[in-house]
């Protein structure tokens, strides 16, 4: 589960960097981004190196 979450988190960030921050698509992805960030942080993953969005 942890491996899948890290992969999804990384993939999602790539998509987020491709769209405008004001778009509805970005806002929808931001919800999942936040969920994954919480899951990974609670699992003890250091997101310093993985986080490209920095929000």
PDB file of N, CA and C in Angstrom:
ATOM      1  N   UNK A   1       0.818  -1.189   0.000  1.00  0.00           N
ATOM      2  CA  UNK A   1       0.000   0.000   0.000  1.00  0.00           C
ATOM      3  C   UNK A   1       0.865   1.258   0.000  1.00  0.00           C
ATOM      4  N   UNK A   2       1.929   1.214   0.771  1.00  0.00           N
ATOM      5  CA  UNK A   2       2.816   2.369   0.857  1.00  0.00           C
ATOM      6  C   UNK A   2       3.468   2.662  -0.495  1.00  0.00           C
ATOM      7  N   UNK A   3       3.915   1.632  -1.167  1.00  0.00           N
ATOM      8  CA  UNK A   3       4.532   1.793  -2.489  1.00  0.00           C
ATOM      9  C   UNK A   3       3.543   2.424  -3.470  1.00  0.00           C
ATOM     10  N   UNK A   4       2.319   1.945  -3.471  1.00  0.00           N
ATOM     11  CA  UNK A   4       1.294   2.489  -4.367  1.00  0.00           C
ATOM     12  C   UNK A   4       0.987   3.952  -4.049  1.00  0.00           C
ATOM     13  N   UNK A   5       0.951   4.277  -2.779  1.00  0.00           N
ATOM     14  CA  UNK A   5       0.676   5.661  -2.379  1.00  0.00           C
ATOM     15  C   UNK A   5       1.795   6.601  -2.814  1.00  0.00           C
ATOM     16  N   UNK A   6       3.032   6.160  -2.671  1.00  0.00           N
ATOM     17  CA  UNK A   6       4.169   6.982  -3.107  1.00  0.00           C
ATOM     18  C   UNK A   6       4.123   7.183  -4.622  1.00  0.00           C
ATOM     19  N   UNK A   7       3.835   6.117  -5.350  1.00  0.00           N
ATOM     20  CA  UNK A   7       3.761   6.220  -6.813  1.00  0.00           C
ATOM     21  C   UNK A   7       2.614   7.138  -7.243  1.00  0.00           C
ATOM     22  N   UNK A   8       1.464   7.009  -6.611  1.00  0.00           N
ATOM     23  CA  UNK A   8       0.327   7.854  -6.958  1.00  0.00           C
ATOM     24  C   UNK A   8       0.615   9.311  -6.614  1.00  0.00           C
ATOM     25  N   UNK A   9       1.238   9.538  -5.477  1.00  0.00           N
ATOM     26  CA  UNK A   9       1.598  10.887  -5.040  1.00  0.00           C
ATOM     27  C   UNK A   9       2.534  11.539  -6.057  1.00  0.00           C
ATOM     28  N   UNK A  10       3.521  10.818  -6.483  1.00  0.00           N
ATOM     29  CA  UNK A  10       4.477  11.333  -7.460  1.00  0.00           C
ATOM     30  C   UNK A  10       3.806  11.602  -8.803  1.00  0.00           C
ATOM     31  N   UNK A  11       3.002  10.665  -9.269  1.00  0.00           N
ATOM     32  CA  UNK A  11       2.299  10.797 -10.547  1.00  0.00           C
ATOM     33  C   UNK A  11       1.337  11.994 -10.501  1.00  0.00           C
ATOM     34  N   UNK A  12       0.598  12.119  -9.422  1.00  0.00           N
ATOM     35  CA  UNK A  12      -0.368  13.195  -9.279  1.00  0.00           C
ATOM     36  C   UNK A  12       0.313  14.561  -9.303  1.00  0.00           C
ATOM     37  N   UNK A  13       1.458  14.665  -8.671  1.00  0.00           N
ATOM     38  CA  UNK A  13       2.190  15.929  -8.692  1.00  0.00           C
ATOM     39  C   UNK A  13       2.596  16.314 -10.114  1.00  0.00           C
ATOM     40  N   UNK A  14       3.006  15.332 -10.890  1.00  0.00           N
ATOM     41  CA  UNK A  14       3.353  15.597 -12.285  1.00  0.00           C
ATOM     42  C   UNK A  14       2.178  16.161 -13.057  1.00  0.00           C
ATOM     43  N   UNK A  15       0.995  15.587 -12.835  1.00  0.00           N
ATOM     44  CA  UNK A  15      -0.209  16.094 -13.500  1.00  0.00           C
ATOM     45  C   UNK A  15      -0.537  17.505 -13.013  1.00  0.00           C
ATOM     46  N   UNK A  16      -0.405  17.732 -11.727  1.00  0.00           N
ATOM     47  CA  UNK A  16      -0.726  19.046 -11.161  1.00  0.00           C
ATOM     48  C   UNK A  16       0.167  20.136 -11.726  1.00  0.00           C
ATOM     49  N   UNK A  17       1.406  19.791 -12.011  1.00  0.00           N
ATOM     50  CA  UNK A  17       2.339  20.780 -12.563  1.00  0.00           C
ATOM     51  C   UNK A  17       2.019  21.132 -14.018  1.00  0.00           C
ATOM     52  N   UNK A  18       1.183  20.329 -14.663  1.00  0.00           N
ATOM     53  CA  UNK A  18       0.831  20.558 -16.069  1.00  0.00           C
ATOM     54  C   UNK A  18      -0.393  21.447 -16.265  1.00  0.00           C
ATOM     55  N   UNK A  19      -1.166  21.660 -15.208  1.00  0.00           N
ATOM     56  CA  UNK A  19      -2.408  22.426 -15.350  1.00  0.00           C
ATOM     57  C   UNK A  19      -2.343  23.727 -14.553  1.00  0.00           C
ATOM     58  N   UNK A  20      -3.217  24.655 -14.915  1.00  0.00           N
ATOM     59  CA  UNK A  20      -3.289  25.947 -14.218  1.00  0.00           C
ATOM     60  C   UNK A  20      -3.813  25.758 -12.799  1.00  0.00           C
ATOM     61  N   UNK A  21      -3.237  26.477 -11.862  1.00  0.00           N
ATOM     62  CA  UNK A  21      -3.640  26.347 -10.464  1.00  0.00           C
ATOM     63  C   UNK A  21      -5.076  26.802 -10.215  1.00  0.00           C
ATOM     64  N   UNK A  22      -5.600  27.654 -11.070  1.00  0.00           N
ATOM     65  CA  UNK A  22      -6.962  28.152 -10.896  1.00  0.00           C
ATOM     66  C   UNK A  22      -8.014  27.248 -11.515  1.00  0.00           C
ATOM     67  N   UNK A  23      -7.601  26.192 -12.196  1.00  0.00           N
ATOM     68  CA  UNK A  23      -8.558  25.336 -12.896  1.00  0.00           C
ATOM     69  C   UNK A  23      -9.282  24.397 -11.938  1.00  0.00           C
ATOM     70  N   UNK A  24     -10.453  23.959 -12.349  1.00  0.00           N
ATOM     71  CA  UNK A  24     -11.225  22.999 -11.558  1.00  0.00           C
ATOM     72  C   UNK A  24     -10.505  21.658 -11.474  1.00  0.00           C
ATOM     73  N   UNK A  25      -9.797  21.306 -12.523  1.00  0.00           N
ATOM     74  CA  UNK A  25      -9.039  20.053 -12.532  1.00  0.00           C
ATOM     75  C   UNK A  25      -7.965  20.081 -11.444  1.00  0.00           C
ATOM     76  N   UNK A  26      -7.251  21.191 -11.346  1.00  0.00           N
ATOM     77  CA  UNK A  26      -6.216  21.329 -10.326  1.00  0.00           C
ATOM     78  C   UNK A  26      -6.822  21.214  -8.929  1.00  0.00           C
ATOM     79  N   UNK A  27      -7.945  21.894  -8.730  1.00  0.00           N
ATOM     80  CA  UNK A  27      -8.604  21.867  -7.425  1.00  0.00           C
ATOM     81  C   UNK A  27      -9.025  20.454  -7.047  1.00  0.00           C
ATOM     82  N   UNK A  28      -9.513  19.690  -8.013  1.00  0.00           N
ATOM     83  CA  UNK A  28      -9.901  18.306  -7.756  1.00  0.00           C
ATOM     84  C   UNK A  28      -8.676  17.457  -7.416  1.00  0.00           C
ATOM     85  N   UNK A  29      -7.591  17.651  -8.139  1.00  0.00           N
ATOM     86  CA  UNK A  29      -6.364  16.905  -7.865  1.00  0.00           C
ATOM     87  C   UNK A  29      -5.780  17.298  -6.519  1.00  0.00           C
ATOM     88  N   UNK A  30      -5.951  18.543  -6.119  1.00  0.00           N
ATOM     89  CA  UNK A  30      -5.413  19.036  -4.848  1.00  0.00           C
ATOM     90  C   UNK A  30      -6.028  18.288  -3.668  1.00  0.00           C
ATOM     91  N   UNK A  31      -7.308  17.914  -3.794  1.00  0.00           N
ATOM     92  CA  UNK A  31      -7.962  17.143  -2.733  1.00  0.00           C
ATOM     93  C   UNK A  31      -7.249  15.805  -2.553  1.00  0.00           C
ATOM     94  N   UNK A  32      -6.997  15.103  -3.652  1.00  0.00           N
ATOM     95  CA  UNK A  32      -6.308  13.806  -3.576  1.00  0.00           C
ATOM     96  C   UNK A  32      -4.868  13.985  -3.117  1.00  0.00           C
ATOM     97  N   UNK A  33      -4.216  15.032  -3.565  1.00  0.00           N
ATOM     98  CA  UNK A  33      -2.848  15.356  -3.149  1.00  0.00           C
ATOM     99  C   UNK A  33      -2.785  15.483  -1.625  1.00  0.00           C
ATOM    100  N   UNK A  34      -3.737  16.200  -1.050  1.00  0.00           N
ATOM    101  CA  UNK A  34      -3.777  16.396   0.397  1.00  0.00           C
ATOM    102  C   UNK A  34      -4.008  15.075   1.116  1.00  0.00           C
ATOM    103  N   UNK A  35      -4.931  14.262   0.595  1.00  0.00           N
ATOM    104  CA  UNK A  35      -5.189  12.954   1.202  1.00  0.00           C
ATOM    105  C   UNK A  35      -3.938  12.084   1.200  1.00  0.00           C
ATOM    106  N   UNK A  36      -3.263  12.027   0.066  1.00  0.00           N
ATOM    107  CA  UNK A  36      -2.053  11.210  -0.036  1.00  0.00           C
ATOM    108  C   UNK A  36      -0.944  11.743   0.864  1.00  0.00           C
ATOM    109  N   UNK A  37      -0.849  13.040   0.966  1.00  0.00           N
ATOM    110  CA  UNK A  37       0.168  13.647   1.819  1.00  0.00           C
ATOM    111  C   UNK A  37      -0.064  13.260   3.283  1.00  0.00           C
ATOM    112  N   UNK A  38      -1.317  13.252   3.702  1.00  0.00           N
ATOM    113  CA  UNK A  38      -1.657  12.849   5.068  1.00  0.00           C
ATOM    114  C   UNK A  38      -1.324  11.374   5.297  1.00  0.00           C
ATOM    115  N   UNK A  39      -1.703  10.522   4.351  1.00  0.00           N
ATOM    116  CA  UNK A  39      -1.436   9.080   4.466  1.00  0.00           C
ATOM    117  C   UNK A  39       0.058   8.818   4.562  1.00  0.00           C
ATOM    118  N   UNK A  40       0.821   9.445   3.689  1.00  0.00           N
ATOM    119  CA  UNK A  40       2.266   9.203   3.665  1.00  0.00           C
ATOM    120  C   UNK A  40       2.949   9.760   4.908  1.00  0.00           C
ATOM    121  N   UNK A  41       2.535  10.924   5.345  1.00  0.00           N
ATOM    122  CA  UNK A  41       3.121  11.513   6.552  1.00  0.00           C
ATOM    123  C   UNK A  41       2.816  10.643   7.773  1.00  0.00           C
ATOM    124  N   UNK A  42       1.567  10.178   7.876  1.00  0.00           N
ATOM    125  CA  UNK A  42       1.187   9.313   8.995  1.00  0.00           C
ATOM    126  C   UNK A  42       1.927   7.979   8.954  1.00  0.00           C
ATOM    127  N   UNK A  43       2.338   7.567   7.764  1.00  0.00           N
ATOM    128  CA  UNK A  43       3.085   6.308   7.610  1.00  0.00           C
ATOM    129  C   UNK A  43       4.580   6.488   7.853  1.00  0.00           C
ATOM    130  N   UNK A  44       4.987   7.705   8.141  1.00  0.00           N
ATOM    131  CA  UNK A  44       6.380   7.969   8.462  1.00  0.00           C
ATOM    132  C   UNK A  44       7.268   8.298   7.268  1.00  0.00           C
ATOM    133  N   UNK A  45       6.662   8.566   6.114  1.00  0.00           N
ATOM    134  CA  UNK A  45       7.435   8.899   4.918  1.00  0.00           C
ATOM    135  C   UNK A  45       7.830  10.373   4.977  1.00  0.00           C
ATOM    136  N   UNK A  46       9.111  10.641   4.799  1.00  0.00           N
ATOM    137  CA  UNK A  46       9.602  12.015   4.739  1.00  0.00           C
ATOM    138  C   UNK A  46       9.346  12.548   3.331  1.00  0.00           C
ATOM    139  N   UNK A  47       8.475  13.526   3.215  1.00  0.00           N
ATOM    140  CA  UNK A  47       8.070  14.037   1.905  1.00  0.00           C
ATOM    141  C   UNK A  47       8.975  15.150   1.378  1.00  0.00           C
ATOM    142  N   UNK A  48      10.004  15.487   2.108  1.00  0.00           N
ATOM    143  CA  UNK A  48      10.889  16.573   1.697  1.00  0.00           C
ATOM    144  C   UNK A  48      11.422  16.381   0.282  1.00  0.00           C
ATOM    145  N   UNK A  49      11.863  15.213  -0.036  1.00  0.00           N
ATOM    146  CA  UNK A  49      12.431  14.931  -1.370  1.00  0.00           C
ATOM    147  C   UNK A  49      11.358  14.690  -2.415  1.00  0.00           C
ATOM    148  N   UNK A  50      10.203  14.175  -1.999  1.00  0.00           N
ATOM    149  CA  UNK A  50       9.155  13.801  -2.950  1.00  0.00           C
ATOM    150  C   UNK A  50       8.240  14.954  -3.354  1.00  0.00           C
ATOM    151  N   UNK A  51       8.080  15.923  -2.484  1.00  0.00           N
ATOM    152  CA  UNK A  51       7.087  16.971  -2.707  1.00  0.00           C
ATOM    153  C   UNK A  51       7.599  18.042  -3.668  1.00  0.00           C
ATOM    154  N   UNK A  52       7.013  18.078  -4.865  1.00  0.00           N
ATOM    155  CA  UNK A  52       7.387  19.066  -5.869  1.00  0.00           C
ATOM    156  C   UNK A  52       6.404  20.239  -5.905  1.00  0.00           C
ATOM    157  N   UNK A  53       5.267  20.109  -5.257  1.00  0.00           N
ATOM    158  CA  UNK A  53       4.231  21.152  -5.260  1.00  0.00           C
ATOM    159  C   UNK A  53       4.513  22.190  -4.180  1.00  0.00           C
ATOM    160  N   UNK A  54       4.962  21.758  -3.022  1.00  0.00           N
ATOM    161  CA  UNK A  54       5.327  22.614  -1.891  1.00  0.00           C
ATOM    162  C   UNK A  54       4.170  23.480  -1.410  1.00  0.00           C
ATOM    163  N   UNK A  55       2.978  22.899  -1.294  1.00  0.00           N
ATOM    164  CA  UNK A  55       1.824  23.632  -0.763  1.00  0.00           C
ATOM    165  C   UNK A  55       1.377  23.035   0.535  1.00  0.00           C
TER     166      UNK A  55
END
